[in-house]
Amino acid sequence: MLSADEAQRIFDEADLVVSAQESEAAVRRVAGEIGAALRDAHPLVLSVMGGAVIFTGRLLPLLAFPLEFDYLHVTRYGDTTTGCELSWIVAPRASIAGRTVLVVDDILDEGITLAAVKRRLLEQGARDCRIAVFADKDLGRAKPVAADFVGVHLPNRYVFGFGMDVKGAWRNLPAVYAVKGM
């Protein structure tokens, strides 16, 4: 956890990567793509807590078709910056079996967490499992899962804002920033 002064210093030194206007435009575009693909599927939309809160909150009002909403909470990070063992904190309460499921997350980084989520949902009987992410980070290598809907593509830097945090801070920003030197 960062102190307020440390968090402010990181923000003050950060590089803007995606502006607030670009972020909102990306959400609108993704909503259109999801609508075209899933409008007749009556999907179960699962938001991945806590990073996907901003993206989900902006996305859901733009999906003009019937859907069911729930959430899940799974993490590899906690308050650290490197992944560790996968931890399921909250599983979806809604029935998965036979459903088209749309998992909404903030970022597709290494893909390990989202691959595990997709695998588990399919094991629980989801008919189809699609993934929407606000951001897909370019790592320069293959990932174990691909997103079906992507808002923005990011460089391989440590980013924060628009739901993504830096040591617990700055999820609330309307834009995306990269930590200086990381």
N, C-alpha and C. Protein backbone atom coordinates (compact mmCIF):
# COMPACT_ATOMS: atom_id res chain seq x y z
N MET A 1 0.85 -1.18 0.00
CA MET A 1 0.00 0.00 0.00
C MET A 1 0.89 1.24 0.00
N LEU A 2 0.56 2.15 -0.85
CA LEU A 2 1.32 3.39 -0.95
C LEU A 2 0.76 4.45 -0.02
N SER A 3 1.62 5.32 0.46
CA SER A 3 1.14 6.50 1.16
C SER A 3 0.57 7.45 0.12
N ALA A 4 -0.20 8.43 0.55
CA ALA A 4 -0.76 9.42 -0.38
C ALA A 4 0.36 10.17 -1.09
N ASP A 5 1.41 10.49 -0.38
CA ASP A 5 2.54 11.21 -0.99
C ASP A 5 3.24 10.36 -2.04
N GLU A 6 3.45 9.08 -1.74
CA GLU A 6 4.09 8.18 -2.71
C GLU A 6 3.23 8.01 -3.95
N ALA A 7 1.92 7.85 -3.74
CA ALA A 7 1.00 7.70 -4.87
C ALA A 7 1.01 8.96 -5.74
N GLN A 8 1.01 10.12 -5.10
CA GLN A 8 1.03 11.37 -5.86
C GLN A 8 2.33 11.53 -6.65
N ARG A 9 3.46 11.13 -6.05
CA ARG A 9 4.74 11.21 -6.74
C ARG A 9 4.74 10.32 -7.99
N ILE A 10 4.22 9.09 -7.85
CA ILE A 10 4.15 8.18 -9.00
C ILE A 10 3.30 8.79 -10.11
N PHE A 11 2.15 9.36 -9.73
CA PHE A 11 1.27 9.99 -10.73
C PHE A 11 1.97 11.17 -11.40
N ASP A 12 2.59 12.02 -10.60
CA ASP A 12 3.24 13.22 -11.13
C ASP A 12 4.35 12.88 -12.12
N GLU A 13 5.02 11.75 -11.93
CA GLU A 13 6.13 11.34 -12.80
C GLU A 13 5.70 10.44 -13.95
N ALA A 14 4.46 10.00 -13.95
CA ALA A 14 3.99 9.01 -14.92
C ALA A 14 3.82 9.60 -16.32
N ASP A 15 3.84 8.70 -17.30
CA ASP A 15 3.60 9.07 -18.70
C ASP A 15 2.16 8.73 -19.06
N LEU A 16 1.45 9.67 -19.67
CA LEU A 16 0.11 9.41 -20.17
C LEU A 16 0.22 8.45 -21.35
N VAL A 17 -0.55 7.35 -21.31
CA VAL A 17 -0.51 6.35 -22.38
C VAL A 17 -1.80 6.38 -23.19
N VAL A 18 -2.94 6.48 -22.49
CA VAL A 18 -4.25 6.54 -23.16
C VAL A 18 -5.06 7.63 -22.46
N SER A 19 -5.48 8.64 -23.20
CA SER A 19 -6.23 9.75 -22.62
C SER A 19 -7.63 9.30 -22.19
N ALA A 20 -8.28 10.15 -21.41
CA ALA A 20 -9.66 9.88 -20.99
C ALA A 20 -10.58 9.80 -22.20
N GLN A 21 -10.38 10.66 -23.19
CA GLN A 21 -11.21 10.65 -24.40
C GLN A 21 -11.00 9.36 -25.19
N GLU A 22 -9.76 8.94 -25.31
CA GLU A 22 -9.47 7.69 -26.02
C GLU A 22 -10.05 6.49 -25.26
N SER A 23 -10.01 6.55 -23.95
CA SER A 23 -10.58 5.47 -23.14
C SER A 23 -12.07 5.34 -23.37
N GLU A 24 -12.78 6.46 -23.33
CA GLU A 24 -14.23 6.43 -23.54
C GLU A 24 -14.58 5.97 -24.95
N ALA A 25 -13.82 6.41 -25.93
CA ALA A 25 -14.07 5.98 -27.31
C ALA A 25 -13.86 4.47 -27.44
N ALA A 26 -12.85 3.95 -26.77
CA ALA A 26 -12.58 2.51 -26.82
C ALA A 26 -13.73 1.72 -26.19
N VAL A 27 -14.27 2.21 -25.09
CA VAL A 27 -15.40 1.53 -24.44
C VAL A 27 -16.61 1.52 -25.37
N ARG A 28 -16.89 2.64 -26.02
CA ARG A 28 -18.03 2.71 -26.95
C ARG A 28 -17.84 1.73 -28.11
N ARG A 29 -16.62 1.67 -28.66
CA ARG A 29 -16.35 0.74 -29.77
C ARG A 29 -16.53 -0.71 -29.32
N VAL A 30 -15.98 -1.06 -28.17
CA VAL A 30 -16.11 -2.43 -27.66
C VAL A 30 -17.58 -2.77 -27.41
N ALA A 31 -18.34 -1.84 -26.87
CA ALA A 31 -19.77 -2.08 -26.63
C ALA A 31 -20.48 -2.41 -27.95
N GLY A 32 -20.14 -1.70 -29.01
CA GLY A 32 -20.72 -1.99 -30.31
C GLY A 32 -20.35 -3.38 -30.81
N GLU A 33 -19.09 -3.75 -30.63
CA GLU A 33 -18.64 -5.08 -31.05
C GLU A 33 -19.33 -6.18 -30.25
N ILE A 34 -19.46 -5.97 -28.95
CA ILE A 34 -20.14 -6.96 -28.10
C ILE A 34 -21.60 -7.06 -28.49
N GLY A 35 -22.23 -5.93 -28.72
CA GLY A 35 -23.63 -5.93 -29.14
C GLY A 35 -23.85 -6.70 -30.43
N ALA A 36 -22.97 -6.49 -31.39
CA ALA A 36 -23.09 -7.19 -32.66
C ALA A 36 -22.92 -8.70 -32.49
N ALA A 37 -22.05 -9.10 -31.58
CA ALA A 37 -21.75 -10.52 -31.40
C ALA A 37 -22.71 -11.24 -30.45
N LEU A 38 -23.20 -10.55 -29.43
CA LEU A 38 -23.94 -11.24 -28.36
C LEU A 38 -25.36 -10.75 -28.13
N ARG A 39 -25.84 -9.87 -28.95
CA ARG A 39 -27.16 -9.27 -28.73
C ARG A 39 -28.29 -10.30 -28.60
N ASP A 40 -28.21 -11.41 -29.29
CA ASP A 40 -29.26 -12.42 -29.23
C ASP A 40 -28.93 -13.59 -28.30
N ALA A 41 -27.83 -13.50 -27.56
CA ALA A 41 -27.36 -14.63 -26.75
C ALA A 41 -27.83 -14.60 -25.30
N HIS A 42 -28.45 -13.48 -24.85
CA HIS A 42 -28.81 -13.31 -23.45
C HIS A 42 -27.66 -13.77 -22.54
N PRO A 43 -26.49 -13.12 -22.67
CA PRO A 43 -25.30 -13.59 -21.97
C PRO A 43 -25.32 -13.31 -20.47
N LEU A 44 -24.52 -14.07 -19.77
CA LEU A 44 -24.19 -13.79 -18.38
C LEU A 44 -22.89 -13.00 -18.44
N VAL A 45 -22.92 -11.77 -17.97
CA VAL A 45 -21.73 -10.92 -17.96
C VAL A 45 -21.12 -11.01 -16.57
N LEU A 46 -19.84 -11.41 -16.52
CA LEU A 46 -19.12 -11.54 -15.26
C LEU A 46 -17.99 -10.53 -15.21
N SER A 47 -18.06 -9.61 -14.27
CA SER A 47 -17.01 -8.62 -14.08
C SER A 47 -15.98 -9.18 -13.11
N VAL A 48 -14.72 -9.04 -13.46
CA VAL A 48 -13.64 -9.51 -12.59
C VAL A 48 -13.27 -8.37 -11.64
N MET A 49 -13.54 -8.57 -10.36
CA MET A 49 -13.22 -7.58 -9.34
C MET A 49 -11.73 -7.61 -9.06
N GLY A 50 -11.13 -6.50 -8.62
CA GLY A 50 -11.70 -5.21 -8.59
C GLY A 50 -11.30 -4.37 -9.79
N GLY A 51 -10.33 -4.83 -10.62
CA GLY A 51 -9.87 -4.01 -11.72
C GLY A 51 -10.89 -3.68 -12.77
N ALA A 52 -11.86 -4.56 -13.00
CA ALA A 52 -12.81 -4.35 -14.09
C ALA A 52 -13.97 -3.42 -13.71
N VAL A 53 -13.99 -2.91 -12.50
CA VAL A 53 -15.10 -2.08 -12.05
C VAL A 53 -15.32 -0.87 -12.97
N ILE A 54 -14.28 -0.15 -13.29
CA ILE A 54 -14.42 1.05 -14.13
C ILE A 54 -14.90 0.66 -15.54
N PHE A 55 -14.23 -0.29 -16.16
CA PHE A 55 -14.60 -0.73 -17.50
C PHE A 55 -16.03 -1.27 -17.52
N THR A 56 -16.37 -2.12 -16.58
CA THR A 56 -17.72 -2.69 -16.52
C THR A 56 -18.76 -1.60 -16.32
N GLY A 57 -18.48 -0.67 -15.42
CA GLY A 57 -19.43 0.41 -15.14
C GLY A 57 -19.68 1.29 -16.33
N ARG A 58 -18.70 1.48 -17.16
CA ARG A 58 -18.86 2.30 -18.37
C ARG A 58 -19.48 1.48 -19.50
N LEU A 59 -19.19 0.17 -19.53
CA LEU A 59 -19.63 -0.70 -20.62
C LEU A 59 -21.10 -1.10 -20.51
N LEU A 60 -21.54 -1.54 -19.35
CA LEU A 60 -22.89 -2.08 -19.20
C LEU A 60 -24.00 -1.16 -19.71
N PRO A 61 -23.99 0.15 -19.40
CA PRO A 61 -25.08 1.00 -19.90
C PRO A 61 -25.12 1.12 -21.42
N LEU A 62 -24.04 0.74 -22.09
CA LEU A 62 -23.99 0.82 -23.55
C LEU A 62 -24.43 -0.48 -24.23
N LEU A 63 -24.69 -1.52 -23.44
CA LEU A 63 -25.13 -2.80 -24.01
C LEU A 63 -26.65 -2.82 -24.01
N ALA A 64 -27.24 -2.52 -25.14
CA ALA A 64 -28.69 -2.34 -25.27
C ALA A 64 -29.38 -3.64 -25.66
N PHE A 65 -29.18 -4.67 -24.83
CA PHE A 65 -29.83 -5.95 -25.05
C PHE A 65 -29.93 -6.65 -23.69
N PRO A 66 -30.81 -7.65 -23.57
CA PRO A 66 -30.97 -8.34 -22.29
C PRO A 66 -29.70 -9.12 -21.92
N LEU A 67 -29.32 -9.00 -20.67
CA LEU A 67 -28.18 -9.74 -20.15
C LEU A 67 -28.39 -9.96 -18.66
N GLU A 68 -27.64 -10.87 -18.10
CA GLU A 68 -27.62 -11.09 -16.66
C GLU A 68 -26.23 -10.69 -16.19
N PHE A 69 -26.15 -10.09 -15.01
CA PHE A 69 -24.86 -9.61 -14.51
C PHE A 69 -24.52 -10.27 -13.18
N ASP A 70 -23.26 -10.62 -13.03
CA ASP A 70 -22.72 -11.14 -11.78
C ASP A 70 -21.23 -10.78 -11.78
N TYR A 71 -20.53 -11.22 -10.79
CA TYR A 71 -19.10 -10.93 -10.73
C TYR A 71 -18.35 -12.11 -10.16
N LEU A 72 -17.05 -12.05 -10.33
CA LEU A 72 -16.17 -13.01 -9.68
C LEU A 72 -14.95 -12.23 -9.21
N HIS A 73 -14.27 -12.81 -8.25
CA HIS A 73 -13.07 -12.16 -7.73
C HIS A 73 -11.99 -13.22 -7.63
N VAL A 74 -11.01 -13.08 -8.48
CA VAL A 74 -9.89 -13.99 -8.54
C VAL A 74 -8.65 -13.14 -8.78
N THR A 75 -7.56 -13.49 -8.16
CA THR A 75 -6.37 -12.67 -8.31
C THR A 75 -5.10 -13.49 -8.23
N ARG A 76 -4.08 -12.96 -8.86
CA ARG A 76 -2.72 -13.49 -8.72
C ARG A 76 -1.82 -12.44 -8.11
N TYR A 77 -2.33 -11.25 -7.88
CA TYR A 77 -1.48 -10.13 -7.52
C TYR A 77 -1.66 -9.61 -6.10
N GLY A 78 -2.90 -9.50 -5.61
CA GLY A 78 -3.09 -8.85 -4.32
C GLY A 78 -2.58 -7.42 -4.43
N ASP A 79 -1.73 -7.01 -3.50
CA ASP A 79 -1.16 -5.67 -3.54
C ASP A 79 0.27 -5.67 -4.07
N THR A 80 0.67 -6.75 -4.74
CA THR A 80 2.02 -6.83 -5.27
C THR A 80 2.00 -6.51 -6.75
N THR A 81 3.17 -6.39 -7.34
CA THR A 81 3.25 -6.08 -8.77
C THR A 81 3.65 -7.28 -9.61
N THR A 82 3.89 -8.42 -8.97
CA THR A 82 4.22 -9.63 -9.72
C THR A 82 3.24 -10.73 -9.35
N GLY A 83 2.90 -11.57 -10.32
CA GLY A 83 1.92 -12.62 -10.12
C GLY A 83 2.44 -13.73 -9.22
N CYS A 84 1.52 -14.30 -8.49
CA CYS A 84 1.84 -15.45 -7.65
C CYS A 84 0.71 -16.47 -7.83
N GLU A 85 0.46 -17.31 -6.86
CA GLU A 85 -0.55 -18.35 -6.98
C GLU A 85 -1.95 -17.76 -7.16
N LEU A 86 -2.75 -18.40 -8.00
CA LEU A 86 -4.11 -17.97 -8.27
C LEU A 86 -4.98 -18.17 -7.04
N SER A 87 -5.74 -17.16 -6.69
CA SER A 87 -6.61 -17.21 -5.52
C SER A 87 -8.04 -16.85 -5.93
N TRP A 88 -8.98 -17.79 -5.72
CA TRP A 88 -10.40 -17.53 -6.00
C TRP A 88 -11.01 -16.97 -4.72
N ILE A 89 -11.43 -15.73 -4.76
CA ILE A 89 -12.00 -15.07 -3.59
C ILE A 89 -13.52 -15.20 -3.59
N VAL A 90 -14.16 -14.94 -4.75
CA VAL A 90 -15.61 -15.08 -4.90
C VAL A 90 -15.90 -15.70 -6.26
N ALA A 91 -16.67 -16.79 -6.25
CA ALA A 91 -17.11 -17.42 -7.49
C ALA A 91 -18.47 -16.81 -7.87
N PRO A 92 -18.82 -16.84 -9.16
CA PRO A 92 -20.14 -16.31 -9.55
C PRO A 92 -21.26 -17.08 -8.87
N ARG A 93 -22.32 -16.37 -8.49
CA ARG A 93 -23.49 -17.02 -7.89
C ARG A 93 -24.44 -17.53 -8.96
N ALA A 94 -24.44 -16.89 -10.12
CA ALA A 94 -25.34 -17.26 -11.21
C ALA A 94 -24.91 -18.61 -11.79
N SER A 95 -25.90 -19.34 -12.30
CA SER A 95 -25.63 -20.61 -12.94
C SER A 95 -24.87 -20.39 -14.25
N ILE A 96 -23.85 -21.18 -14.47
CA ILE A 96 -23.00 -21.07 -15.65
C ILE A 96 -23.43 -22.05 -16.74
N ALA A 97 -23.93 -23.20 -16.33
CA ALA A 97 -24.23 -24.31 -17.25
C ALA A 97 -25.14 -23.87 -18.40
N GLY A 98 -24.68 -24.17 -19.62
CA GLY A 98 -25.47 -23.91 -20.82
C GLY A 98 -25.52 -22.45 -21.25
N ARG A 99 -24.80 -21.57 -20.57
CA ARG A 99 -24.88 -20.14 -20.83
C ARG A 99 -23.75 -19.65 -21.74
N THR A 100 -24.02 -18.57 -22.43
CA THR A 100 -22.97 -17.78 -23.05
C THR A 100 -22.50 -16.81 -21.98
N VAL A 101 -21.20 -16.85 -21.69
CA VAL A 101 -20.63 -16.03 -20.63
C VAL A 101 -19.67 -15.02 -21.25
N LEU A 102 -19.77 -13.78 -20.80
CA LEU A 102 -18.83 -12.74 -21.20
C LEU A 102 -18.09 -12.31 -19.94
N VAL A 103 -16.79 -12.58 -19.91
CA VAL A 103 -15.95 -12.16 -18.79
C VAL A 103 -15.37 -10.79 -19.14
N VAL A 104 -15.54 -9.83 -18.24
CA VAL A 104 -15.06 -8.46 -18.45
C VAL A 104 -13.93 -8.20 -17.46
N ASP A 105 -12.78 -7.81 -17.97
CA ASP A 105 -11.63 -7.53 -17.10
C ASP A 105 -10.93 -6.26 -17.55
N ASP A 106 -10.06 -5.76 -16.67
CA ASP A 106 -9.37 -4.53 -16.98
C ASP A 106 -8.25 -4.72 -17.99
N ILE A 107 -7.41 -5.75 -17.79
CA ILE A 107 -6.24 -5.90 -18.65
C ILE A 107 -5.90 -7.37 -18.88
N LEU A 108 -5.51 -7.66 -20.08
CA LEU A 108 -4.93 -8.96 -20.42
C LEU A 108 -3.43 -8.74 -20.45
N ASP A 109 -2.79 -9.17 -19.38
CA ASP A 109 -1.36 -8.99 -19.21
C ASP A 109 -0.68 -10.28 -19.66
N GLU A 110 -0.28 -11.12 -18.74
CA GLU A 110 0.32 -12.41 -19.11
C GLU A 110 -0.73 -13.41 -19.55
N GLY A 111 -1.99 -13.23 -19.12
CA GLY A 111 -3.08 -14.10 -19.54
C GLY A 111 -3.31 -15.31 -18.66
N ILE A 112 -2.51 -15.50 -17.66
CA ILE A 112 -2.63 -16.68 -16.80
C ILE A 112 -3.95 -16.67 -16.03
N THR A 113 -4.30 -15.54 -15.45
CA THR A 113 -5.54 -15.45 -14.67
C THR A 113 -6.75 -15.65 -15.56
N LEU A 114 -6.83 -14.93 -16.68
CA LEU A 114 -7.99 -15.06 -17.55
C LEU A 114 -8.09 -16.44 -18.17
N ALA A 115 -6.97 -17.07 -18.47
CA ALA A 115 -7.00 -18.44 -19.00
C ALA A 115 -7.60 -19.38 -17.95
N ALA A 116 -7.22 -19.21 -16.70
CA ALA A 116 -7.75 -20.06 -15.62
C ALA A 116 -9.24 -19.80 -15.41
N VAL A 117 -9.66 -18.54 -15.49
CA VAL A 117 -11.08 -18.22 -15.34
C VAL A 117 -11.88 -18.86 -16.48
N LYS A 118 -11.43 -18.69 -17.71
CA LYS A 118 -12.13 -19.27 -18.86
C LYS A 118 -12.21 -20.79 -18.73
N ARG A 119 -11.10 -21.41 -18.39
CA ARG A 119 -11.07 -22.87 -18.23
C ARG A 119 -12.08 -23.31 -17.18
N ARG A 120 -12.12 -22.63 -16.05
CA ARG A 120 -13.05 -23.01 -14.98
C ARG A 120 -14.51 -22.84 -15.41
N LEU A 121 -14.82 -21.76 -16.11
CA LEU A 121 -16.20 -21.52 -16.55
C LEU A 121 -16.64 -22.57 -17.57
N LEU A 122 -15.74 -22.95 -18.47
CA LEU A 122 -16.06 -23.99 -19.43
C LEU A 122 -16.22 -25.34 -18.73
N GLU A 123 -15.40 -25.61 -17.72
CA GLU A 123 -15.54 -26.84 -16.93
C GLU A 123 -16.88 -26.87 -16.20
N GLN A 124 -17.39 -25.69 -15.83
CA GLN A 124 -18.69 -25.60 -15.14
C GLN A 124 -19.85 -25.63 -16.12
N GLY A 125 -19.57 -25.84 -17.40
CA GLY A 125 -20.63 -26.06 -18.37
C GLY A 125 -21.04 -24.88 -19.21
N ALA A 126 -20.28 -23.78 -19.19
CA ALA A 126 -20.61 -22.66 -20.07
C ALA A 126 -20.60 -23.15 -21.51
N ARG A 127 -21.62 -22.76 -22.26
CA ARG A 127 -21.70 -23.13 -23.68
C ARG A 127 -20.63 -22.39 -24.48
N ASP A 128 -20.41 -21.14 -24.11
CA ASP A 128 -19.45 -20.30 -24.80
C ASP A 128 -18.90 -19.32 -23.77
N CYS A 129 -17.63 -19.02 -23.85
CA CYS A 129 -17.01 -18.07 -22.93
C CYS A 129 -16.19 -17.09 -23.74
N ARG A 130 -16.63 -15.83 -23.71
CA ARG A 130 -15.93 -14.77 -24.42
C ARG A 130 -15.27 -13.86 -23.39
N ILE A 131 -14.24 -13.16 -23.82
CA ILE A 131 -13.50 -12.27 -22.93
C ILE A 131 -13.44 -10.88 -23.53
N ALA A 132 -13.79 -9.88 -22.71
CA ALA A 132 -13.64 -8.47 -23.08
C ALA A 132 -12.69 -7.83 -22.09
N VAL A 133 -11.67 -7.19 -22.60
CA VAL A 133 -10.73 -6.48 -21.75
C VAL A 133 -10.62 -5.03 -22.21
N PHE A 134 -10.45 -4.15 -21.24
CA PHE A 134 -10.22 -2.76 -21.62
C PHE A 134 -8.88 -2.65 -22.33
N ALA A 135 -7.86 -3.34 -21.79
CA ALA A 135 -6.52 -3.21 -22.34
C ALA A 135 -5.87 -4.57 -22.56
N ASP A 136 -5.11 -4.67 -23.64
CA ASP A 136 -4.30 -5.84 -23.92
C ASP A 136 -2.86 -5.36 -24.01
N LYS A 137 -2.02 -5.88 -23.12
CA LYS A 137 -0.62 -5.45 -23.08
C LYS A 137 0.21 -6.26 -24.07
N ASP A 138 0.99 -5.56 -24.87
CA ASP A 138 1.87 -6.20 -25.85
C ASP A 138 3.13 -6.68 -25.16
N LEU A 139 3.21 -7.99 -24.94
CA LEU A 139 4.37 -8.58 -24.29
C LEU A 139 5.40 -9.09 -25.29
N GLY A 140 5.04 -9.14 -26.57
CA GLY A 140 5.96 -9.64 -27.58
C GLY A 140 6.05 -11.15 -27.60
N ARG A 141 5.08 -11.81 -26.96
CA ARG A 141 5.06 -13.28 -26.96
C ARG A 141 3.61 -13.75 -26.85
N ALA A 142 3.41 -15.03 -27.16
CA ALA A 142 2.07 -15.60 -27.10
C ALA A 142 1.57 -15.68 -25.66
N LYS A 143 0.26 -15.59 -25.51
CA LYS A 143 -0.39 -15.70 -24.21
C LYS A 143 -1.28 -16.93 -24.21
N PRO A 144 -1.60 -17.48 -23.03
CA PRO A 144 -2.42 -18.69 -22.98
C PRO A 144 -3.89 -18.48 -23.32
N VAL A 145 -4.30 -17.24 -23.48
CA VAL A 145 -5.68 -16.92 -23.83
C VAL A 145 -5.67 -15.60 -24.61
N ALA A 146 -6.65 -15.44 -25.48
CA ALA A 146 -6.80 -14.19 -26.23
C ALA A 146 -8.15 -13.58 -25.88
N ALA A 147 -8.21 -12.27 -25.89
CA ALA A 147 -9.47 -11.58 -25.66
C ALA A 147 -10.25 -11.50 -26.97
N ASP A 148 -11.56 -11.63 -26.87
CA ASP A 148 -12.42 -11.51 -28.04
C ASP A 148 -12.73 -10.06 -28.36
N PHE A 149 -12.70 -9.21 -27.33
CA PHE A 149 -13.01 -7.79 -27.46
C PHE A 149 -11.95 -7.01 -26.70
N VAL A 150 -11.27 -6.08 -27.37
CA VAL A 150 -10.17 -5.33 -26.76
C VAL A 150 -10.40 -3.84 -26.98
N GLY A 151 -10.32 -3.09 -25.89
CA GLY A 151 -10.47 -1.64 -25.99
C GLY A 151 -9.23 -0.97 -26.54
N VAL A 152 -8.10 -1.15 -25.87
CA VAL A 152 -6.85 -0.51 -26.29
C VAL A 152 -5.71 -1.51 -26.18
N HIS A 153 -4.67 -1.27 -26.94
CA HIS A 153 -3.44 -2.05 -26.86
C HIS A 153 -2.40 -1.18 -26.18
N LEU A 154 -1.69 -1.78 -25.22
CA LEU A 154 -0.72 -1.03 -24.43
C LEU A 154 0.69 -1.57 -24.61
N PRO A 155 1.68 -0.70 -24.44
CA PRO A 155 3.06 -1.17 -24.47
C PRO A 155 3.35 -1.99 -23.22
N ASN A 156 4.44 -2.71 -23.24
CA ASN A 156 4.83 -3.56 -22.12
C ASN A 156 5.49 -2.72 -21.03
N ARG A 157 4.65 -1.98 -20.32
CA ARG A 157 5.07 -1.13 -19.20
C ARG A 157 4.10 -1.35 -18.05
N TYR A 158 4.49 -0.94 -16.86
CA TYR A 158 3.60 -1.04 -15.71
C TYR A 158 2.62 0.12 -15.78
N VAL A 159 1.34 -0.19 -15.99
CA VAL A 159 0.32 0.83 -16.22
C VAL A 159 -0.68 0.89 -15.07
N PHE A 160 -1.33 2.05 -14.97
CA PHE A 160 -2.36 2.23 -13.96
C PHE A 160 -3.39 3.23 -14.47
N GLY A 161 -4.56 3.20 -13.83
CA GLY A 161 -5.68 4.05 -14.23
C GLY A 161 -6.73 3.23 -14.96
N PHE A 162 -7.94 3.77 -15.06
CA PHE A 162 -9.07 3.11 -15.71
C PHE A 162 -9.25 1.68 -15.18
N GLY A 163 -9.16 1.55 -13.84
CA GLY A 163 -9.38 0.28 -13.17
C GLY A 163 -8.11 -0.43 -12.76
N MET A 164 -7.00 -0.13 -13.41
CA MET A 164 -5.72 -0.77 -13.09
C MET A 164 -5.03 0.04 -12.01
N ASP A 165 -4.38 -0.66 -11.08
CA ASP A 165 -3.78 0.05 -9.96
C ASP A 165 -2.27 -0.06 -9.93
N VAL A 166 -1.68 0.82 -9.16
CA VAL A 166 -0.27 0.73 -8.84
C VAL A 166 -0.21 0.63 -7.32
N LYS A 167 0.07 -0.57 -6.83
CA LYS A 167 0.14 -0.86 -5.39
C LYS A 167 -1.11 -0.37 -4.65
N GLY A 168 -2.27 -0.62 -5.25
CA GLY A 168 -3.55 -0.28 -4.63
C GLY A 168 -4.08 1.10 -4.93
N ALA A 169 -3.30 1.95 -5.59
CA ALA A 169 -3.73 3.33 -5.85
C ALA A 169 -4.07 3.56 -7.32
N TRP A 170 -4.85 4.58 -7.54
CA TRP A 170 -5.13 5.18 -8.85
C TRP A 170 -6.03 4.36 -9.78
N ARG A 171 -6.80 3.40 -9.28
CA ARG A 171 -7.78 2.71 -10.15
C ARG A 171 -8.79 3.70 -10.70
N ASN A 172 -9.03 4.78 -9.98
CA ASN A 172 -10.10 5.73 -10.26
C ASN A 172 -9.82 6.71 -11.40
N LEU A 173 -8.66 6.68 -11.98
CA LEU A 173 -8.33 7.64 -13.03
C LEU A 173 -9.09 7.33 -14.33
N PRO A 174 -9.52 8.36 -15.07
CA PRO A 174 -10.24 8.15 -16.32
C PRO A 174 -9.34 7.87 -17.52
N ALA A 175 -8.03 7.89 -17.30
CA ALA A 175 -7.04 7.66 -18.35
C ALA A 175 -6.06 6.60 -17.87
N VAL A 176 -5.16 6.20 -18.75
CA VAL A 176 -4.15 5.19 -18.41
C VAL A 176 -2.77 5.84 -18.45
N TYR A 177 -2.00 5.54 -17.42
CA TYR A 177 -0.64 6.09 -17.29
C TYR A 177 0.34 4.94 -17.10
N ALA A 178 1.59 5.20 -17.45
CA ALA A 178 2.66 4.22 -17.24
C ALA A 178 3.62 4.78 -16.19
N VAL A 179 4.01 3.91 -15.26
CA VAL A 179 4.96 4.30 -14.23
C VAL A 179 6.29 4.63 -14.90
N LYS A 180 6.86 5.74 -14.53
CA LYS A 180 8.16 6.16 -15.08
C LYS A 180 9.21 5.11 -14.74
N GLY A 181 9.95 4.67 -15.75
CA GLY A 181 11.03 3.73 -15.52
C GLY A 181 10.61 2.29 -15.39
N MET A 182 9.32 1.99 -15.52
CA MET A 182 8.85 0.60 -15.39
C MET A 182 8.12 0.20 -16.66
